[in-house]
Amino acid sequence: MSEPAQSVRLDVWLWRARFFKTRALSAQMCDSGHVRLERFGLVNRVDKSSQAIKPGDRLIFALGARLIDIEILDTGERRGPAAEARTLYRANASV
């Protein structure tokens, strides 16, 4: 039996969690510096789509006119249906 992945690329996770329709759009958002990653209380701007994320990390980014603030609960193994994607994160109170 294999263990679940401990970390995953940020662009892959955003695509699996269905925030973006394609991985290319997800990577473009990450590379543009519009995503912030909070880990151990430190907030850093992400400028590379290859940034590794893991459960417990928090992401903050704008999607359209909404500000998304989520905590990562699981890395997931695939891009599944929307119901499965919602189990990968928990929405936090508005920033």
N, C-alpha and C. Protein backbone atom coordinates (compact mmCIF):
# COMPACT_ATOMS: atom_id res chain seq x y z
N MET A 1 0.85 -1.18 0.00
CA MET A 1 0.00 0.00 0.00
C MET A 1 0.89 1.23 0.00
N SER A 2 0.62 2.19 -0.90
CA SER A 2 1.44 3.39 -0.98
C SER A 2 0.86 4.48 -0.08
N GLU A 3 1.75 5.32 0.42
CA GLU A 3 1.32 6.42 1.28
C GLU A 3 0.95 7.60 0.40
N PRO A 4 0.03 8.48 0.89
CA PRO A 4 -0.34 9.65 0.11
C PRO A 4 0.85 10.62 -0.01
N ALA A 5 0.87 11.37 -1.06
CA ALA A 5 1.94 12.35 -1.27
C ALA A 5 1.93 13.39 -0.16
N GLN A 6 3.10 13.72 0.34
CA GLN A 6 3.22 14.71 1.41
C GLN A 6 3.17 16.13 0.87
N SER A 7 3.63 16.32 -0.35
CA SER A 7 3.61 17.64 -0.96
C SER A 7 3.32 17.50 -2.45
N VAL A 8 2.92 18.60 -3.05
CA VAL A 8 2.59 18.61 -4.47
C VAL A 8 2.86 20.02 -4.99
N ARG A 9 3.11 20.13 -6.29
CA ARG A 9 3.32 21.46 -6.90
C ARG A 9 2.05 22.29 -6.75
N LEU A 10 2.24 23.58 -6.53
CA LEU A 10 1.11 24.49 -6.33
C LEU A 10 0.19 24.53 -7.55
N ASP A 11 0.76 24.62 -8.75
CA ASP A 11 -0.09 24.69 -9.94
C ASP A 11 -0.91 23.43 -10.13
N VAL A 12 -0.33 22.29 -9.81
CA VAL A 12 -1.05 21.02 -9.92
C VAL A 12 -2.19 20.98 -8.90
N TRP A 13 -1.92 21.41 -7.68
CA TRP A 13 -2.95 21.38 -6.64
C TRP A 13 -4.11 22.31 -6.98
N LEU A 14 -3.83 23.52 -7.44
CA LEU A 14 -4.90 24.46 -7.82
C LEU A 14 -5.76 23.90 -8.93
N TRP A 15 -5.14 23.17 -9.86
CA TRP A 15 -5.88 22.53 -10.95
C TRP A 15 -6.72 21.37 -10.41
N ARG A 16 -6.13 20.53 -9.54
CA ARG A 16 -6.87 19.40 -8.96
C ARG A 16 -8.05 19.88 -8.12
N ALA A 17 -7.88 21.00 -7.42
CA ALA A 17 -8.93 21.53 -6.56
C ALA A 17 -9.97 22.31 -7.37
N ARG A 18 -9.79 22.36 -8.68
CA ARG A 18 -10.73 22.95 -9.62
C ARG A 18 -10.89 24.46 -9.49
N PHE A 19 -9.83 25.15 -9.11
CA PHE A 19 -9.86 26.61 -9.12
C PHE A 19 -9.59 27.13 -10.53
N PHE A 20 -8.92 26.32 -11.37
CA PHE A 20 -8.62 26.69 -12.75
C PHE A 20 -8.95 25.52 -13.67
N LYS A 21 -9.40 25.84 -14.88
CA LYS A 21 -9.80 24.80 -15.83
C LYS A 21 -8.63 24.03 -16.40
N THR A 22 -7.48 24.69 -16.52
CA THR A 22 -6.31 24.02 -17.07
C THR A 22 -5.11 24.24 -16.15
N ARG A 23 -4.16 23.35 -16.26
CA ARG A 23 -2.95 23.50 -15.46
C ARG A 23 -2.14 24.70 -15.94
N ALA A 24 -2.21 25.00 -17.22
CA ALA A 24 -1.49 26.15 -17.76
C ALA A 24 -2.01 27.45 -17.14
N LEU A 25 -3.32 27.59 -17.00
CA LEU A 25 -3.88 28.78 -16.35
C LEU A 25 -3.46 28.87 -14.89
N SER A 26 -3.42 27.73 -14.24
CA SER A 26 -2.99 27.67 -12.85
C SER A 26 -1.53 28.10 -12.73
N ALA A 27 -0.69 27.60 -13.60
CA ALA A 27 0.74 27.95 -13.59
C ALA A 27 0.93 29.43 -13.88
N GLN A 28 0.14 29.98 -14.79
CA GLN A 28 0.24 31.40 -15.12
C GLN A 28 -0.10 32.26 -13.90
N MET A 29 -1.11 31.88 -13.15
CA MET A 29 -1.50 32.62 -11.94
C MET A 29 -0.37 32.58 -10.92
N CYS A 30 0.23 31.42 -10.73
CA CYS A 30 1.33 31.27 -9.76
C CYS A 30 2.55 32.07 -10.19
N ASP A 31 2.92 31.97 -11.46
CA ASP A 31 4.11 32.65 -11.96
C ASP A 31 3.97 34.17 -11.95
N SER A 32 2.75 34.68 -11.98
CA SER A 32 2.53 36.12 -12.00
C SER A 32 2.67 36.75 -10.62
N GLY A 33 2.78 35.93 -9.58
CA GLY A 33 2.97 36.46 -8.23
C GLY A 33 1.69 36.88 -7.53
N HIS A 34 0.55 36.39 -7.99
CA HIS A 34 -0.73 36.77 -7.39
C HIS A 34 -1.21 35.81 -6.30
N VAL A 35 -0.39 34.85 -5.95
CA VAL A 35 -0.76 33.88 -4.91
C VAL A 35 0.16 34.07 -3.71
N ARG A 36 -0.45 34.08 -2.53
CA ARG A 36 0.34 34.17 -1.30
C ARG A 36 0.20 32.86 -0.55
N LEU A 37 1.31 32.40 0.01
CA LEU A 37 1.37 31.15 0.75
C LEU A 37 1.73 31.45 2.19
N GLU A 38 0.90 30.98 3.11
CA GLU A 38 1.20 31.13 4.53
C GLU A 38 1.57 29.77 5.09
N ARG A 39 2.76 29.72 5.70
CA ARG A 39 3.25 28.48 6.31
C ARG A 39 3.97 28.88 7.60
N PHE A 40 3.60 28.26 8.70
CA PHE A 40 4.20 28.54 10.01
C PHE A 40 4.07 30.01 10.39
N GLY A 41 2.96 30.64 9.98
CA GLY A 41 2.72 32.04 10.34
C GLY A 41 3.42 33.05 9.44
N LEU A 42 4.24 32.60 8.51
CA LEU A 42 4.93 33.50 7.59
C LEU A 42 4.22 33.52 6.25
N VAL A 43 3.94 34.71 5.74
CA VAL A 43 3.25 34.85 4.46
C VAL A 43 4.26 35.27 3.41
N ASN A 44 4.33 34.51 2.32
CA ASN A 44 5.25 34.80 1.22
C ASN A 44 4.49 34.80 -0.10
N ARG A 45 4.89 35.69 -0.98
CA ARG A 45 4.33 35.72 -2.32
C ARG A 45 4.98 34.61 -3.14
N VAL A 46 4.17 33.84 -3.82
CA VAL A 46 4.67 32.75 -4.66
C VAL A 46 4.94 33.30 -6.05
N ASP A 47 6.12 33.02 -6.59
CA ASP A 47 6.43 33.48 -7.94
C ASP A 47 6.84 32.34 -8.86
N LYS A 48 6.71 31.10 -8.36
CA LYS A 48 7.02 29.93 -9.18
C LYS A 48 5.90 28.90 -9.02
N SER A 49 5.44 28.39 -10.14
CA SER A 49 4.36 27.40 -10.10
C SER A 49 4.83 26.08 -9.51
N SER A 50 6.15 25.88 -9.43
CA SER A 50 6.69 24.62 -8.90
C SER A 50 6.79 24.63 -7.37
N GLN A 51 6.34 25.70 -6.72
CA GLN A 51 6.38 25.78 -5.26
C GLN A 51 5.65 24.56 -4.66
N ALA A 52 6.32 23.87 -3.75
CA ALA A 52 5.70 22.70 -3.11
C ALA A 52 4.79 23.15 -1.98
N ILE A 53 3.60 22.59 -1.92
CA ILE A 53 2.66 22.87 -0.84
C ILE A 53 2.27 21.55 -0.19
N LYS A 54 1.77 21.65 1.03
CA LYS A 54 1.39 20.45 1.77
C LYS A 54 0.21 20.77 2.68
N PRO A 55 -0.44 19.75 3.20
CA PRO A 55 -1.57 19.99 4.10
C PRO A 55 -1.14 20.85 5.28
N GLY A 56 -2.01 21.80 5.63
CA GLY A 56 -1.72 22.73 6.71
C GLY A 56 -1.33 24.10 6.19
N ASP A 57 -0.90 24.18 4.93
CA ASP A 57 -0.56 25.47 4.33
C ASP A 57 -1.84 26.24 4.05
N ARG A 58 -1.71 27.55 3.94
CA ARG A 58 -2.85 28.42 3.64
C ARG A 58 -2.52 29.22 2.38
N LEU A 59 -3.50 29.33 1.49
CA LEU A 59 -3.33 30.10 0.25
C LEU A 59 -4.30 31.26 0.23
N ILE A 60 -3.83 32.39 -0.28
CA ILE A 60 -4.68 33.57 -0.46
C ILE A 60 -4.43 34.09 -1.87
N PHE A 61 -5.50 34.22 -2.65
CA PHE A 61 -5.38 34.73 -4.02
C PHE A 61 -6.71 35.28 -4.48
N ALA A 62 -6.67 36.16 -5.46
CA ALA A 62 -7.88 36.74 -6.03
C ALA A 62 -8.31 35.92 -7.24
N LEU A 63 -9.60 35.66 -7.31
CA LEU A 63 -10.16 34.93 -8.44
C LEU A 63 -11.37 35.74 -8.90
N GLY A 64 -11.19 36.46 -10.00
CA GLY A 64 -12.23 37.39 -10.42
C GLY A 64 -12.32 38.52 -9.40
N ALA A 65 -13.51 38.79 -8.91
CA ALA A 65 -13.71 39.84 -7.92
C ALA A 65 -13.68 39.30 -6.49
N ARG A 66 -13.44 37.99 -6.34
CA ARG A 66 -13.44 37.37 -5.01
C ARG A 66 -12.03 37.14 -4.51
N LEU A 67 -11.85 37.30 -3.20
CA LEU A 67 -10.58 36.98 -2.57
C LEU A 67 -10.73 35.61 -1.93
N ILE A 68 -9.93 34.66 -2.37
CA ILE A 68 -10.00 33.27 -1.91
C ILE A 68 -8.98 33.08 -0.79
N ASP A 69 -9.43 32.56 0.34
CA ASP A 69 -8.56 32.29 1.49
C ASP A 69 -8.89 30.87 1.94
N ILE A 70 -7.96 29.95 1.69
CA ILE A 70 -8.22 28.54 1.97
C ILE A 70 -7.07 27.88 2.72
N GLU A 71 -7.42 26.85 3.46
CA GLU A 71 -6.42 26.00 4.11
C GLU A 71 -6.39 24.67 3.38
N ILE A 72 -5.22 24.19 3.05
CA ILE A 72 -5.07 22.93 2.32
C ILE A 72 -5.20 21.78 3.31
N LEU A 73 -6.13 20.87 3.03
CA LEU A 73 -6.37 19.71 3.88
C LEU A 73 -5.72 18.44 3.33
N ASP A 74 -5.63 18.34 2.00
CA ASP A 74 -5.10 17.14 1.36
C ASP A 74 -4.51 17.53 0.01
N THR A 75 -3.53 16.77 -0.46
CA THR A 75 -2.92 17.06 -1.75
C THR A 75 -3.69 16.44 -2.91
N GLY A 76 -4.47 15.41 -2.64
CA GLY A 76 -5.23 14.75 -3.69
C GLY A 76 -4.32 13.90 -4.57
N GLU A 77 -4.93 13.05 -5.37
CA GLU A 77 -4.18 12.19 -6.27
C GLU A 77 -4.55 12.40 -7.72
N ARG A 78 -5.67 13.08 -7.95
CA ARG A 78 -6.13 13.28 -9.33
C ARG A 78 -7.07 14.47 -9.37
N ARG A 79 -7.44 14.89 -10.57
CA ARG A 79 -8.46 15.93 -10.74
C ARG A 79 -9.78 15.20 -10.87
N GLY A 80 -10.50 15.14 -9.79
CA GLY A 80 -11.77 14.41 -9.76
C GLY A 80 -12.96 15.34 -9.90
N PRO A 81 -14.15 14.83 -9.61
CA PRO A 81 -15.35 15.66 -9.67
C PRO A 81 -15.31 16.77 -8.62
N ALA A 82 -16.17 17.75 -8.77
CA ALA A 82 -16.19 18.92 -7.89
C ALA A 82 -16.36 18.53 -6.42
N ALA A 83 -17.19 17.55 -6.14
CA ALA A 83 -17.41 17.12 -4.76
C ALA A 83 -16.11 16.59 -4.14
N GLU A 84 -15.33 15.88 -4.93
CA GLU A 84 -14.04 15.38 -4.45
C GLU A 84 -13.04 16.52 -4.28
N ALA A 85 -13.07 17.48 -5.19
CA ALA A 85 -12.15 18.62 -5.12
C ALA A 85 -12.39 19.44 -3.85
N ARG A 86 -13.64 19.58 -3.43
CA ARG A 86 -13.96 20.37 -2.23
C ARG A 86 -13.41 19.75 -0.96
N THR A 87 -13.06 18.47 -0.98
CA THR A 87 -12.49 17.83 0.21
C THR A 87 -11.00 18.14 0.36
N LEU A 88 -10.40 18.79 -0.62
CA LEU A 88 -8.97 19.09 -0.57
C LEU A 88 -8.66 20.35 0.24
N TYR A 89 -9.67 21.17 0.51
CA TYR A 89 -9.43 22.44 1.20
C TYR A 89 -10.61 22.85 2.08
N ARG A 90 -10.34 23.82 2.95
CA ARG A 90 -11.39 24.41 3.79
C ARG A 90 -11.28 25.93 3.60
N ALA A 91 -12.41 26.56 3.32
CA ALA A 91 -12.44 28.01 3.14
C ALA A 91 -12.35 28.68 4.52
N ASN A 92 -11.52 29.70 4.61
CA ASN A 92 -11.38 30.49 5.82
C ASN A 92 -12.25 31.74 5.72
N ALA A 93 -12.38 32.43 6.84
CA ALA A 93 -13.17 33.67 6.86
C ALA A 93 -12.55 34.68 5.90
N SER A 94 -13.35 35.58 5.40
CA SER A 94 -12.87 36.58 4.44
C SER A 94 -11.75 37.40 5.03
N VAL A 95 -10.84 37.77 4.14
CA VAL A 95 -9.70 38.60 4.55
C VAL A 95 -10.10 40.05 4.46
